[in-house]
C-alpha atoms as a PDB file:
ATOM      1  CA  MET A   1      14.879 -41.362  -6.828  1.00  0.00           C
ATOM      2  CA  SER A   2      15.921 -40.822  -3.097  1.00  0.00           C
ATOM      3  CA  GLU A   3      13.817 -40.591  -0.722  1.00  0.00           C
ATOM      4  CA  MET A   4      13.837 -37.377   0.460  1.00  0.00           C
ATOM      5  CA  GLY A   5      13.294 -36.300  -3.258  1.00  0.00           C
ATOM      6  CA  ARG A   6      10.386 -38.987  -1.939  1.00  0.00           C
ATOM      7  CA  TRP A   7       8.894 -37.569   0.179  1.00  0.00           C
ATOM      8  CA  GLU A   8       9.168 -33.676  -1.849  1.00  0.00           C
ATOM      9  CA  ALA A   9       7.692 -35.253  -4.814  1.00  0.00           C
ATOM     10  CA  LYS A  10       4.430 -36.524  -2.552  1.00  0.00           C
ATOM     11  CA  LEU A  11       4.319 -32.653  -0.775  1.00  0.00           C
ATOM     12  CA  ARG A  12       4.872 -31.008  -4.577  1.00  0.00           C
ATOM     13  CA  SER A  13       2.163 -33.035  -5.581  1.00  0.00           C
ATOM     14  CA  MET A  14      -0.198 -32.827  -2.918  1.00  0.00           C
ATOM     15  CA  PHE A  15       0.599 -28.617  -3.122  1.00  0.00           C
ATOM     16  CA  GLN A  16       2.412 -27.405  -5.923  1.00  0.00           C
ATOM     17  CA  MET A  17       4.735 -26.744  -3.829  1.00  0.00           C
ATOM     18  CA  VAL A  18       6.275 -27.204  -0.489  1.00  0.00           C
ATOM     19  CA  PRO A  19       4.967 -25.604   2.680  1.00  0.00           C
ATOM     20  CA  ALA A  20       6.693 -23.583   5.255  1.00  0.00           C
ATOM     21  CA  ARG A  21       8.149 -25.078   7.264  1.00  0.00           C
ATOM     22  CA  ASN A  22       7.135 -24.265  10.414  1.00  0.00           C
ATOM     23  CA  ASP A  23       4.183 -26.068   9.009  1.00  0.00           C
ATOM     24  CA  MET A  24       5.721 -29.232   8.159  1.00  0.00           C
ATOM     25  CA  PRO A  25       3.898 -30.328  12.376  1.00  0.00           C
ATOM     26  CA  ALA A  26       0.298 -29.903  11.041  1.00  0.00           C
ATOM     27  CA  VAL A  27       0.485 -31.360   7.617  1.00  0.00           C
ATOM     28  CA  VAL A  28       2.488 -33.954   8.835  1.00  0.00           C
ATOM     29  CA  PHE A  29      -0.969 -34.973  11.398  1.00  0.00           C
ATOM     30  CA  ASP A  30      -3.013 -34.038   8.863  1.00  0.00           C
ATOM     31  CA  LEU A  31      -1.476 -36.722   6.888  1.00  0.00           C
ATOM     32  CA  PHE A  32      -0.782 -39.711   9.169  1.00  0.00           C
ATOM     33  CA  TYR A  33      -4.154 -39.166  10.121  1.00  0.00           C
ATOM     34  CA  SER A  34      -6.428 -39.288   7.010  1.00  0.00           C
ATOM     35  CA  GLY A  35      -4.140 -42.476   6.074  1.00  0.00           C
ATOM     36  CA  GLY A  36      -2.416 -40.666   3.522  1.00  0.00           C
ATOM     37  CA  PHE A  37       1.387 -42.015   4.378  1.00  0.00           C
ATOM     38  CA  GLY A  38      -1.132 -45.383   4.133  1.00  0.00           C
ATOM     39  CA  ASP A  39       1.382 -48.856   4.866  1.00  0.00           C
ATOM     40  CA  ASP A  40       4.730 -46.510   3.843  1.00  0.00           C
ATOM     41  CA  ILE A  41       7.133 -46.270   7.511  1.00  0.00           C
ATOM     42  CA  ASP A  42       9.818 -46.378   5.607  1.00  0.00           C
ATOM     43  CA  LEU A  43       7.803 -42.421   3.845  1.00  0.00           C
ATOM     44  CA  LEU A  44       6.466 -41.770   7.318  1.00  0.00           C
ATOM     45  CA  ALA A  45      10.046 -41.741   9.375  1.00  0.00           C
ATOM     46  CA  GLU A  46      10.897 -38.671   6.769  1.00  0.00           C
ATOM     47  CA  ALA A  47       8.025 -36.621   6.724  1.00  0.00           C
ATOM     48  CA  ILE A  48       8.922 -37.285  11.038  1.00  0.00           C
ATOM     49  CA  GLU A  49      12.518 -36.078  10.615  1.00  0.00           C
ATOM     50  CA  ASP A  50      11.508 -33.134   7.726  1.00  0.00           C
ATOM     51  CA  ALA A  51       8.688 -31.532   9.952  1.00  0.00           C
ATOM     52  CA  TRP A  52       9.884 -31.883  13.307  1.00  0.00           C
ATOM     53  CA  THR A  53      13.635 -30.724  12.509  1.00  0.00           C
ATOM     54  CA  ALA A  54      12.716 -27.676   9.521  1.00  0.00           C
ATOM     55  CA  SER A  55      10.258 -26.187  12.711  1.00  0.00           C
ATOM     56  CA  GLU A  56      11.148 -24.155  15.116  1.00  0.00           C
ATOM     57  CA  PHE A  57       8.328 -25.608  17.925  1.00  0.00           C
ATOM     58  CA  PRO A  58       7.273 -28.165  16.896  1.00  0.00           C
ATOM     59  CA  GLN A  59       5.149 -28.700  19.425  1.00  0.00           C
ATOM     60  CA  ARG A  60       3.164 -25.583  18.729  1.00  0.00           C
ATOM     61  CA  LEU A  61       1.697 -26.991  16.193  1.00  0.00           C
ATOM     62  CA  VAL A  62       0.721 -30.952  16.890  1.00  0.00           C
ATOM     63  CA  ASP A  63       0.996 -31.945  20.395  1.00  0.00           C
ATOM     64  CA  ALA A  64       3.692 -34.290  21.994  1.00  0.00           C
ATOM     65  CA  ASP A  65       0.843 -37.325  22.105  1.00  0.00           C
ATOM     66  CA  CYS A  66       0.543 -37.176  18.573  1.00  0.00           C
ATOM     67  CA  TRP A  67       4.119 -36.833  17.856  1.00  0.00           C
ATOM     68  CA  ILE A  68       4.628 -40.257  20.121  1.00  0.00           C
ATOM     69  CA  GLU A  69       2.268 -41.758  18.466  1.00  0.00           C
ATOM     70  CA  PHE A  70       4.026 -40.628  14.647  1.00  0.00           C
ATOM     71  CA  PHE A  71       7.728 -41.701  15.893  1.00  0.00           C
ATOM     72  CA  ASN A  72       5.825 -45.265  17.734  1.00  0.00           C
ATOM     73  CA  GLU A  73       4.277 -46.224  14.548  1.00  0.00           C
ATOM     74  CA  ALA A  74       7.619 -45.254  12.795  1.00  0.00           C
ATOM     75  CA  GLY A  75       9.171 -46.989  15.119  1.00  0.00           C
ATOM     76  CA  PHE A  76      13.365 -45.638  15.704  1.00  0.00           C
ATOM     77  CA  ILE A  77      14.155 -43.267  13.604  1.00  0.00           C
ATOM     78  CA  GLU A  78      17.431 -42.004  12.904  1.00  0.00           C
ATOM     79  CA  ASN A  79      18.413 -39.301  10.411  1.00  0.00           C
ATOM     80  CA  GLY A  80      15.012 -39.761   8.498  1.00  0.00           C
ATOM     81  CA  ARG A  81      15.421 -43.155   8.248  1.00  0.00           C
ATOM     82  CA  VAL A  82      14.052 -46.807  10.313  1.00  0.00           C
ATOM     83  CA  ALA A  83      17.049 -47.450  12.217  1.00  0.00           C
ATOM     84  CA  PRO A  84      16.934 -50.828  14.754  1.00  0.00           C
ATOM     85  CA  HIS A  85      17.085 -49.013  18.480  1.00  0.00           C
ATOM     86  CA  PRO A  86      20.309 -48.725  19.827  1.00  0.00           C
ATOM     87  CA  LYS A  87      21.746 -50.657  22.172  1.00  0.00           C
ATOM     88  CA  SER A  88      22.643 -46.972  24.785  1.00  0.00           C
ATOM     89  CA  VAL A  89      22.565 -43.369  25.033  1.00  0.00           C
ATOM     90  CA  PRO A  90      25.360 -40.528  26.382  1.00  0.00           C
ATOM     91  CA  PRO A  91      24.064 -38.411  28.688  1.00  0.00           C
ATOM     92  CA  LEU A  92      21.871 -36.116  27.248  1.00  0.00           C
ATOM     93  CA  TYR A  93      21.365 -32.592  28.392  1.00  0.00           C
ATOM     94  CA  ARG A  94      17.424 -29.736  27.988  1.00  0.00           C
ATOM     95  CA  SER A  95      17.180 -26.203  28.298  1.00  0.00           C
ATOM     96  CA  ALA A  96      13.343 -24.917  28.111  1.00  0.00           C
ATOM     97  CA  ALA A  97      11.383 -21.953  29.521  1.00  0.00           C
ATOM     98  CA  ASP A  98      10.330 -23.788  33.099  1.00  0.00           C
ATOM     99  CA  PRO A  99       6.386 -25.157  31.986  1.00  0.00           C
ATOM    100  CA  TYR A 100       9.082 -26.557  28.959  1.00  0.00           C
ATOM    101  CA  ALA A 101      11.686 -28.073  30.569  1.00  0.00           C
ATOM    102  CA  TYR A 102      10.274 -32.004  31.077  1.00  0.00           C
ATOM    103  CA  GLY A 103      10.115 -32.063  27.001  1.00  0.00           C
ATOM    104  CA  LEU A 104      10.883 -33.751  24.121  1.00  0.00           C
ATOM    105  CA  SER A 105      13.244 -32.837  22.581  1.00  0.00           C
ATOM    106  CA  TRP A 106      17.211 -33.566  24.047  1.00  0.00           C
ATOM    107  CA  THR A 107      21.181 -33.378  22.744  1.00  0.00           C
ATOM    108  CA  GLU A 108      23.781 -35.297  23.869  1.00  0.00           C
ATOM    109  CA  ASP A 109      25.686 -31.685  23.425  1.00  0.00           C
ATOM    110  CA  TYR A 110      26.357 -29.820  26.375  1.00  0.00           C
ATOM    111  CA  GLU A 111      27.094 -26.936  25.136  1.00  0.00           C
ATOM    112  CA  GLN A 112      23.971 -26.675  22.588  1.00  0.00           C
ATOM    113  CA  ALA A 113      22.029 -26.982  25.367  1.00  0.00           C
ATOM    114  CA  GLU A 114      24.049 -24.722  27.450  1.00  0.00           C
ATOM    115  CA  TRP A 115      22.744 -21.722  24.229  1.00  0.00           C
ATOM    116  CA  PHE A 116      19.671 -22.803  24.928  1.00  0.00           C
ATOM    117  CA  TYR A 117      19.323 -22.027  28.122  1.00  0.00           C
ATOM    118  CA  ARG A 118      21.741 -18.965  27.440  1.00  0.00           C
ATOM    119  CA  ARG A 119      18.924 -17.687  25.448  1.00  0.00           C
ATOM    120  CA  ASN A 120      15.887 -18.067  27.389  1.00  0.00           C
ATOM    121  CA  VAL A 121      17.929 -17.047  30.238  1.00  0.00           C
ATOM    122  CA  ASP A 122      19.581 -13.418  28.598  1.00  0.00           C
ATOM    123  CA  TYR A 123      18.510 -13.218  25.504  1.00  0.00           C
ATOM    124  CA  PHE A 124      14.513 -13.603  25.877  1.00  0.00           C
ATOM    125  CA  GLY A 125      14.045 -13.474  29.597  1.00  0.00           C
ATOM    126  CA  PHE A 126      12.182 -16.679  30.252  1.00  0.00           C
ATOM    127  CA  PRO A 127      13.185 -17.997  33.944  1.00  0.00           C
ATOM    128  CA  SER A 128      14.552 -22.045  32.230  1.00  0.00           C
ATOM    129  CA  LYS A 129      15.857 -25.534  32.901  1.00  0.00           C
ATOM    130  CA  LEU A 130      18.740 -26.967  31.980  1.00  0.00           C
ATOM    131  CA  LEU A 131      18.746 -30.428  33.413  1.00  0.00           C
ATOM    132  CA  ARG A 132      21.090 -33.486  32.815  1.00  0.00           C
ATOM    133  CA  LEU A 133      19.732 -37.201  32.234  1.00  0.00           C
ATOM    134  CA  ASP A 134      22.121 -39.929  32.556  1.00  0.00           C
ATOM    135  CA  ASN A 135      21.888 -43.228  31.016  1.00  0.00           C
ATOM    136  CA  PRO A 136      18.469 -42.825  29.160  1.00  0.00           C
ATOM    137  CA  ASP A 137      16.999 -46.507  28.898  1.00  0.00           C
ATOM    138  CA  PRO A 138      17.327 -47.267  25.296  1.00  0.00           C
ATOM    139  CA  VAL A 139      13.880 -48.520  24.833  1.00  0.00           C
ATOM    140  CA  ASP A 140      12.351 -43.920  25.964  1.00  0.00           C
ATOM    141  CA  VAL A 141      14.587 -43.017  23.081  1.00  0.00           C
ATOM    142  CA  LEU A 142      11.926 -42.479  19.830  1.00  0.00           C
ATOM    143  CA  ALA A 143      14.873 -40.848  17.519  1.00  0.00           C
ATOM    144  CA  LYS A 144      18.586 -39.218  17.042  1.00  0.00           C
ATOM    145  CA  PHE A 145      18.986 -36.266  14.058  1.00  0.00           C
ATOM    146  CA  HIS A 146      21.788 -35.466  14.330  1.00  0.00           C
ATOM    147  CA  SER A 147      22.624 -34.011  10.557  1.00  0.00           C
ATOM    148  CA  ALA A 148      19.603 -31.615   9.889  1.00  0.00           C
ATOM    149  CA  ARG A 149      20.398 -29.137  12.341  1.00  0.00           C
ATOM    150  CA  ASN A 150      23.537 -30.635  13.944  1.00  0.00           C
ATOM    151  CA  GLU A 151      22.149 -30.382  17.206  1.00  0.00           C
ATOM    152  CA  ALA A 152      22.921 -33.646  18.006  1.00  0.00           C
ATOM    153  CA  GLU A 153      19.617 -34.077  18.713  1.00  0.00           C
ATOM    154  CA  TRP A 154      18.048 -36.934  20.598  1.00  0.00           C
ATOM    155  CA  VAL A 155      13.954 -37.291  20.849  1.00  0.00           C
ATOM    156  CA  LEU A 156      13.266 -39.591  23.856  1.00  0.00           C
ATOM    157  CA  ARG A 157       8.811 -39.918  25.553  1.00  0.00           C
ATOM    158  CA  PRO A 158       8.620 -37.725  28.994  1.00  0.00           C
ATOM    159  CA  ASP A 159       8.444 -40.472  30.836  1.00  0.00           C
ATOM    160  CA  GLY A 160      11.985 -41.407  30.640  1.00  0.00           C
ATOM    161  CA  THR A 161      13.277 -38.008  31.316  1.00  0.00           C
ATOM    162  CA  ASP A 162      12.216 -38.618  35.022  1.00  0.00           C
ATOM    163  CA  GLN A 163      15.343 -39.535  36.727  1.00  0.00           C
ATOM    164  CA  ALA A 164      17.093 -36.024  35.127  1.00  0.00           C
ATOM    165  CA  VAL A 165      18.589 -32.936  37.131  1.00  0.00           C
ATOM    166  CA  GLU A 166      18.511 -30.443  36.949  1.00  0.00           C
ATOM    167  CA  VAL A 167      22.659 -28.275  35.562  1.00  0.00           C
ATOM    168  CA  THR A 168      23.397 -25.314  38.256  1.00  0.00           C
ATOM    169  CA  LEU A 169      24.904 -22.971  35.947  1.00  0.00           C
END
């Protein structure tokens, strides 16, 4: 059985179905803090990737401190698998409404970040920032997800983003 099959099988054994995508962060939270992953770091990594990338706003149900604890327990994750930390990280970008500007989720794709900026400003009417972070320290990187949503997403510790600068459009 594939690793993704193990996570889905666990979900189905618990719920007789796979929970809705925006509920997945809460499922991981409950399992993590109840010891439901045991020592199975590979299953935890897969669950984190699934919950993070499937949910529209993963920090609505689970705060950043909890997510960081999950990522720290698993180690660096790339596409749902535990992997070695990268030796270097490309320049990264982030766009979010002002209160969330310095969050966990970043992308190496400038056009993707600009799309989020335009969506926030033009569609939702939210004051937003578009940030660029040059030379992120690889020790601040928690994960890289590039296959689930095709967003070239990197997850960083917030304290590793203090050198980000605002991009003017």
